[in-house]
Amino acid sequence: MTSARLRWGALLWLLTLQFFVLETIAQTRYDAPYSRIDQVISALGASDSPGRQLMNASFVVQAALILGGALLLRPALRGAAGRVAPLLLGASGLGVLLVGVFPTDGNGTLHTIGAVTYFVGGGLGLIALAYAVRPRSEALGTTVVLLGIVATAATIFFLAGVTGYLGEGGTERAAAYPLPVALALTGAALAWTAGRDAEGSAPGDALRAERAEQETRRAEQARVRDAALEAAAQRSPQSAPARAADREADDGHDIDPDDPWAPTRRS
């Protein structure tokens, strides 16, 4: 994986924090008093919200950022979790896309499907992502898995209608907010890792590695050549004097003393 691809993917995930900025702006434009505890996020994208276009645009942009980062950073994720995490995060991206395209008072069914897909895919995707980045950073993996657990638990409570003191809006945000926070942390950590690796590799490292590889290759060729020469020496025929002595010995064994026509043995 190239460092440029890693940095671009990390940047996309880092930019998912735009959601908090645009949500706050849309909230300030809301006519009636808006409560993050009692009111859900989708209310900011409804038709009666002055900031609905900004909020729904944020949902769509968020989908592109999540999906783009997952595709670019896929090779940087390790193990089986690294194969599962992009799929779950991709599902959450598609879910938030539906939320932005179909407001809650427009097509409520598709909006609900998108929201549930975002919550479930995001929470489980963070848990998988934590195991995928754990080999790179123990602290990052621990932080991401905790955020994934919080998001998954809040999703269960929100869908079950158990909101308690957090309220409907607070419980929904506990399920929705961990994803952009965790993606931004992961993006920043991966970008920092790429920069550290680039600084750690001096210009002469590649040349030294190439020379070492050439030395290893020459040593292997010499070993193969020596083995071939040794095997050939073991298979080589006897010397000329040894062959002559062998023939005389064979001739002596072949002479029959009772045969009057047999040649006389030379002493």
Protein backbone atom coordinates (compact mmCIF):
# COMPACT_ATOMS: atom_id res chain seq x y z
CA MET A 1 0.00 0.00 0.00
CA THR A 2 1.41 3.39 -0.98
CA SER A 3 1.81 6.13 1.59
CA ALA A 4 -0.20 8.50 -0.63
CA ARG A 5 -3.20 6.17 -0.62
CA LEU A 6 -2.91 5.78 3.14
CA ARG A 7 -2.84 9.54 3.67
CA TRP A 8 -5.82 10.19 1.39
CA GLY A 9 -7.88 7.52 3.10
CA ALA A 10 -6.90 8.85 6.50
CA LEU A 11 -7.87 12.36 5.42
CA LEU A 12 -11.33 11.21 4.31
CA TRP A 13 -11.98 9.59 7.68
CA LEU A 14 -10.63 12.62 9.50
CA LEU A 15 -13.07 14.82 7.59
CA THR A 16 -16.04 12.84 8.93
CA LEU A 17 -15.89 15.32 11.82
CA GLN A 18 -17.66 17.74 9.45
CA PHE A 19 -20.87 16.14 10.67
CA PHE A 20 -20.60 17.82 14.08
CA VAL A 21 -19.89 21.21 12.54
CA LEU A 22 -22.81 21.16 10.08
CA GLU A 23 -25.17 19.70 12.66
CA THR A 24 -24.37 22.58 14.99
CA ILE A 25 -24.94 25.13 12.21
CA ALA A 26 -28.27 23.51 11.27
CA GLN A 27 -29.28 23.55 14.92
CA THR A 28 -28.60 27.30 15.21
CA ARG A 29 -30.95 27.89 12.28
CA TYR A 30 -33.76 25.92 13.85
CA ASP A 31 -36.73 28.19 14.58
CA ALA A 32 -38.10 26.54 17.72
CA PRO A 33 -35.83 25.69 20.64
CA TYR A 34 -33.98 22.51 19.73
CA SER A 35 -32.95 19.98 22.36
CA ARG A 36 -30.25 17.39 21.64
CA ILE A 37 -31.66 15.35 24.51
CA ASP A 38 -35.28 15.21 23.41
CA GLN A 39 -35.07 15.59 19.62
CA VAL A 40 -33.41 13.24 17.14
CA ILE A 41 -30.85 14.29 14.55
CA SER A 42 -33.22 13.65 11.65
CA ALA A 43 -35.43 16.52 12.81
CA LEU A 44 -32.75 18.90 11.55
CA GLY A 45 -33.20 17.47 8.05
CA ALA A 46 -37.00 17.55 8.01
CA SER A 47 -38.96 19.92 5.78
CA ASP A 48 -39.75 22.32 8.65
CA SER A 49 -36.06 22.84 9.47
CA PRO A 50 -34.44 25.96 7.94
CA GLY A 51 -31.11 24.13 7.88
CA ARG A 52 -32.49 20.97 6.26
CA GLN A 53 -30.46 21.31 3.05
CA LEU A 54 -27.25 21.73 5.00
CA MET A 55 -28.04 18.80 7.29
CA ASN A 56 -29.04 16.44 4.49
CA ALA A 57 -25.97 17.47 2.49
CA SER A 58 -23.88 16.58 5.53
CA PHE A 59 -25.46 13.12 5.59
CA VAL A 60 -24.60 12.56 1.92
CA VAL A 61 -21.06 13.86 2.29
CA GLN A 62 -20.62 11.68 5.36
CA ALA A 63 -21.55 8.62 3.31
CA ALA A 64 -18.92 9.47 0.68
CA LEU A 65 -16.26 10.04 3.34
CA ILE A 66 -16.96 6.75 5.12
CA LEU A 67 -17.07 4.70 1.92
CA GLY A 68 -14.06 6.39 0.33
CA GLY A 69 -11.93 5.96 3.42
CA ALA A 70 -12.92 2.30 3.80
CA LEU A 71 -11.94 1.56 0.19
CA LEU A 72 -8.61 3.39 0.35
CA LEU A 73 -7.58 2.05 3.74
CA ARG A 74 -8.62 -1.56 3.17
CA PRO A 75 -5.02 -2.79 2.57
CA ALA A 76 -3.88 -1.15 5.82
CA LEU A 77 -6.28 -3.25 7.92
CA ARG A 78 -4.95 -6.56 9.20
CA GLY A 79 -6.38 -10.06 9.51
CA ALA A 80 -9.91 -11.34 9.09
CA ALA A 81 -11.26 -8.28 10.91
CA GLY A 82 -9.62 -6.16 8.24
CA ARG A 83 -11.81 -7.85 5.64
CA VAL A 84 -15.01 -7.55 7.67
CA ALA A 85 -14.62 -3.95 8.88
CA PRO A 86 -14.83 -2.28 5.43
CA LEU A 87 -18.01 -4.21 4.66
CA LEU A 88 -19.73 -3.14 7.86
CA LEU A 89 -18.49 0.43 7.58
CA GLY A 90 -19.60 0.47 3.95
CA ALA A 91 -23.07 -0.60 5.07
CA SER A 92 -23.16 2.26 7.57
CA GLY A 93 -22.12 4.64 4.79
CA LEU A 94 -24.96 3.46 2.59
CA GLY A 95 -27.30 3.82 5.54
CA VAL A 96 -26.43 7.47 6.19
CA LEU A 97 -26.77 8.08 2.45
CA LEU A 98 -30.40 6.90 2.63
CA VAL A 99 -30.93 9.15 5.64
CA GLY A 100 -29.75 12.18 3.66
CA VAL A 101 -31.58 11.39 0.43
CA PHE A 102 -34.89 10.43 2.10
CA PRO A 103 -35.73 12.78 5.01
CA THR A 104 -37.81 11.50 7.88
CA ASP A 105 -40.97 13.29 6.68
CA GLY A 106 -40.37 12.36 3.05
CA ASN A 107 -39.99 8.60 2.74
CA GLY A 108 -40.10 7.45 6.34
CA THR A 109 -39.56 3.77 5.56
CA LEU A 110 -36.31 4.22 3.62
CA HIS A 111 -35.18 6.81 6.13
CA THR A 112 -35.68 4.35 9.00
CA ILE A 113 -33.93 1.54 7.11
CA GLY A 114 -31.00 3.85 6.45
CA ALA A 115 -30.77 4.99 10.07
CA VAL A 116 -30.87 1.42 11.46
CA THR A 117 -28.27 0.30 8.90
CA TYR A 118 -26.03 3.18 9.91
CA PHE A 119 -26.33 2.43 13.63
CA VAL A 120 -25.86 -1.33 13.40
CA GLY A 121 -23.17 -1.24 10.71
CA GLY A 122 -21.32 1.54 12.47
CA GLY A 123 -21.21 -0.07 15.90
CA LEU A 124 -20.22 -3.52 14.69
CA GLY A 125 -17.88 -2.02 12.10
CA LEU A 126 -15.98 -0.19 14.83
CA ILE A 127 -15.52 -3.39 16.81
CA ALA A 128 -14.10 -5.11 13.72
CA LEU A 129 -11.99 -2.06 12.92
CA ALA A 130 -10.50 -2.14 16.41
CA TYR A 131 -9.12 -5.65 15.88
CA ALA A 132 -7.91 -4.68 12.40
CA VAL A 133 -5.82 -1.74 13.69
CA ARG A 134 -4.75 -3.34 16.97
CA PRO A 135 -1.46 -4.70 15.46
CA ARG A 136 -0.51 -1.11 14.60
CA SER A 137 -1.49 0.46 17.91
CA GLU A 138 -2.76 -1.17 21.08
CA ALA A 139 -4.09 2.14 22.40
CA LEU A 140 -5.97 2.89 19.18
CA GLY A 141 -7.50 -0.57 19.06
CA THR A 142 -8.67 -0.30 22.67
CA THR A 143 -10.19 3.15 22.12
CA VAL A 144 -12.00 2.13 18.95
CA VAL A 145 -13.43 -1.06 20.44
CA LEU A 146 -14.77 0.89 23.44
CA LEU A 147 -16.46 3.36 21.10
CA GLY A 148 -17.89 0.45 19.13
CA ILE A 149 -19.31 -1.13 22.27
CA VAL A 150 -20.89 2.17 23.32
CA ALA A 151 -22.43 2.65 19.87
CA THR A 152 -23.78 -0.92 19.76
CA ALA A 153 -25.25 -0.74 23.26
CA ALA A 154 -26.85 2.66 22.57
CA THR A 155 -28.29 1.29 19.33
CA ILE A 156 -29.95 -1.56 21.19
CA PHE A 157 -31.43 0.81 23.77
CA PHE A 158 -32.57 3.29 21.12
CA LEU A 159 -34.29 0.67 18.97
CA ALA A 160 -35.89 -0.86 22.06
CA GLY A 161 -37.17 2.54 23.20
CA VAL A 162 -35.15 2.45 26.43
CA THR A 163 -33.82 5.99 26.55
CA GLY A 164 -33.87 6.86 30.25
CA TYR A 165 -32.19 10.09 31.32
CA LEU A 166 -30.45 10.47 27.97
CA GLY A 167 -33.74 10.98 26.18
CA GLU A 168 -34.51 9.93 22.65
CA GLY A 169 -32.12 12.41 21.08
CA GLY A 170 -29.33 11.72 23.57
CA THR A 171 -29.56 7.95 23.12
CA GLU A 172 -29.58 8.32 19.35
CA ARG A 173 -26.48 10.48 19.49
CA ALA A 174 -24.76 7.97 21.73
CA ALA A 175 -25.33 5.46 18.92
CA ALA A 176 -24.39 7.82 16.07
CA TYR A 177 -21.51 9.94 17.36
CA PRO A 178 -18.92 7.22 18.11
CA LEU A 179 -18.49 6.35 14.42
CA PRO A 180 -17.11 9.69 13.15
CA VAL A 181 -15.04 10.09 16.31
CA ALA A 182 -13.47 6.65 15.93
CA LEU A 183 -12.90 7.07 12.18
CA ALA A 184 -11.21 10.42 12.74
CA LEU A 185 -8.93 8.93 15.42
CA THR A 186 -8.10 5.98 13.17
CA GLY A 187 -7.40 8.24 10.22
CA ALA A 188 -5.10 10.47 12.24
CA ALA A 189 -3.25 7.48 13.69
CA LEU A 190 -2.77 5.84 10.29
CA ALA A 191 -1.54 9.11 8.75
CA TRP A 192 0.93 9.55 11.59
CA THR A 193 2.11 5.97 11.16
CA ALA A 194 2.66 6.53 7.45
CA GLY A 195 4.69 9.66 8.13
CA ARG A 196 6.77 7.93 10.81
CA ASP A 197 7.52 5.01 8.50
CA ALA A 198 8.53 7.37 5.71
CA GLU A 199 10.90 9.27 8.01
CA GLY A 200 12.36 6.06 9.37
CA SER A 201 13.48 4.83 5.95
CA ALA A 202 16.71 6.64 4.98
CA PRO A 203 17.63 7.05 1.28
CA GLY A 204 20.46 4.53 1.63
CA ASP A 205 18.25 1.81 3.11
CA ALA A 206 16.95 0.70 -0.27
CA LEU A 207 20.47 0.53 -1.71
CA ARG A 208 21.75 -1.45 1.26
CA ALA A 209 18.83 -3.84 1.02
CA GLU A 210 19.49 -4.35 -2.68
CA ARG A 211 23.18 -5.05 -2.05
CA ALA A 212 22.35 -7.52 0.70
CA GLU A 213 19.94 -9.28 -1.63
CA GLN A 214 22.63 -9.50 -4.32
CA GLU A 215 25.13 -10.95 -1.83
CA THR A 216 22.60 -13.55 -0.74
CA ARG A 217 21.88 -14.45 -4.34
CA ARG A 218 25.59 -14.83 -5.18
CA ALA A 219 26.18 -16.98 -2.11
CA GLU A 220 23.32 -19.25 -3.12
CA GLN A 221 24.66 -19.55 -6.65
CA ALA A 222 28.11 -20.47 -5.32
CA ARG A 223 26.63 -23.10 -3.06
CA VAL A 224 24.68 -24.65 -5.94
CA ARG A 225 27.79 -24.61 -8.16
CA ASP A 226 29.96 -26.30 -5.51
CA ALA A 227 27.34 -28.97 -4.96
CA ALA A 228 27.15 -29.64 -8.70
CA LEU A 229 30.94 -29.93 -9.00
CA GLU A 230 31.13 -32.32 -6.08
CA ALA A 231 28.40 -34.50 -7.55
CA ALA A 232 30.16 -34.53 -10.94
CA ALA A 233 33.44 -35.53 -9.32
CA GLN A 234 31.79 -38.46 -7.62
CA ARG A 235 30.34 -39.64 -10.93
CA SER A 236 33.55 -39.16 -13.01
CA PRO A 237 35.18 -42.36 -14.61
CA GLN A 238 38.42 -43.84 -13.25
CA SER A 239 41.82 -42.69 -14.48
CA ALA A 240 43.49 -44.29 -17.51
CA PRO A 241 46.06 -46.39 -15.51
CA ALA A 242 43.28 -47.68 -13.26
CA ARG A 243 41.20 -48.62 -16.29
CA ALA A 244 44.20 -50.51 -17.86
CA ALA A 245 44.83 -52.45 -14.65
CA ASP A 246 41.18 -53.37 -14.50
CA ARG A 247 41.28 -54.64 -18.08
CA GLU A 248 44.36 -56.80 -17.39
CA ALA A 249 42.70 -58.22 -14.32
CA ASP A 250 39.61 -58.98 -16.32
CA ASP A 251 41.70 -60.56 -19.09
CA GLY A 252 43.49 -62.76 -16.57
CA HIS A 253 40.26 -63.99 -15.14
CA ASP A 254 38.92 -64.80 -18.60
CA ILE A 255 41.90 -67.14 -19.65
CA ASP A 256 41.11 -70.81 -19.43
CA PRO A 257 44.36 -72.81 -18.68
CA ASP A 258 42.94 -75.96 -20.35
CA ASP A 259 42.14 -74.12 -23.59
CA PRO A 260 45.02 -74.75 -26.05
CA TRP A 261 43.88 -71.82 -28.20
CA ALA A 262 43.81 -69.34 -25.35
CA PRO A 263 46.35 -66.48 -25.50
CA THR A 264 49.41 -66.76 -23.32
CA ARG A 265 49.32 -64.56 -20.23
CA ARG A 266 52.08 -62.04 -20.11
CA SER A 267 53.98 -61.94 -16.87
